[in-house]
């Protein structure tokens, strides 16, 4: 798999969720609607004195915010410049040093808050939010597009055992697989667990033990598809009767999906476009299938292991290091993984984010060096590995 760019705010949010609550169970805390008395008070006309005071405070806020944005803009421009420099050094096989990172923490806004306008405001129309498909949508899309339904396990332990068998044969260790599973799902996720919800609305298409997005599935089908087809074709030879016919149908569906995924450039943005369509939803249903799902979950991690190996990194990745690559993309994660331990204590996490993503990520802000970020990841893995689901997966190895 190619080196992906730093992920969007959605992936950053998913990372923050993984450190605070099981991702498949996160629930929004909604504020109660305003009472009649509150809305009546809001509708009262403000006095001239209150309006004048508001405008004075607004000017102060705007001036303070402009000064901060200028300072922050310079900082994040330096972050981007240093990142380009590191990438160039890697291409030339030149050693990276502390000088190749910004060693100061990002500026923090400490000025006045934006004042509340006392004048009555017309209610704004809520924007239409993009719909995120849930598991039932994926299954319906697969039926509509391919007249096929994923073969789901009778119980999740069946899926865990299939995953363990393939992961071990592919080169993942039990520690890597179990600890990443524990981190990603809170230690009790199933093969069909989906990332946190706002009420009944999903916040992400991330599903399964390693929380694959639709884009991940499209990308894996494009890059690993021929191997998956070969493995299923060999398995079909050992079957007979209805089981063989069902497998042959699945292989035919998989071939169509792979052809569709490979019909565009091997690029994250191109795969993302497919993932946002009903066709992409149908492809994503493959993560639920007992034969294909374990292979997709394995390859989500294995591609990062192989990426590090092709870059000359021979030491086995710890689970926390592998998770950094799993979450942030191979190139960005590899930047952290290859950093000497002494440097990890000094390099701020801001070096691996875009400004918008960083400012929305309380975890990266609170654990603001590479060493602290890896430590809190390990801590969460330790805690969640004691959960029943993680223990069950470990036993499956």
Foldseek 3Di string as FASTA:
>chain_A
DDFAAFDDLLLLVLLLCLLPDFFLADEDDDDDDDDPVVVVQLADADDPVLQVVLVVVQVQVVVLVVVLCVQQVVVLVLLVVLVVVVVVCLVVVHDDDLVSFDQDDGDDRDGDDNDDRSGRDDDDDDDDDQADDALVLLQVLLCVPQVDGAAFDPDQLLLLLLLVVVLVVLPHDLQLQLLLLCSNRVQAFGLRRAGHAHVPGGSFQQGGSNGDGLLLLLLCCQVVVVVLLVVLVVVLVVDDDPVSVNSVSVSVSSVVSNCVSNPDPSHSVVSVVCCSDSSSSNSVSLCRHSSRVSVSSSVLQVVLQVVCVVSVNDDDDGNLLSVLCSSGTNVLSSVLRPDDPVVQVRHFPSSSDRPVSVVVNPLSVVQTGNVSSSVSSVVSSVVSCPHPNSVSSSVSD
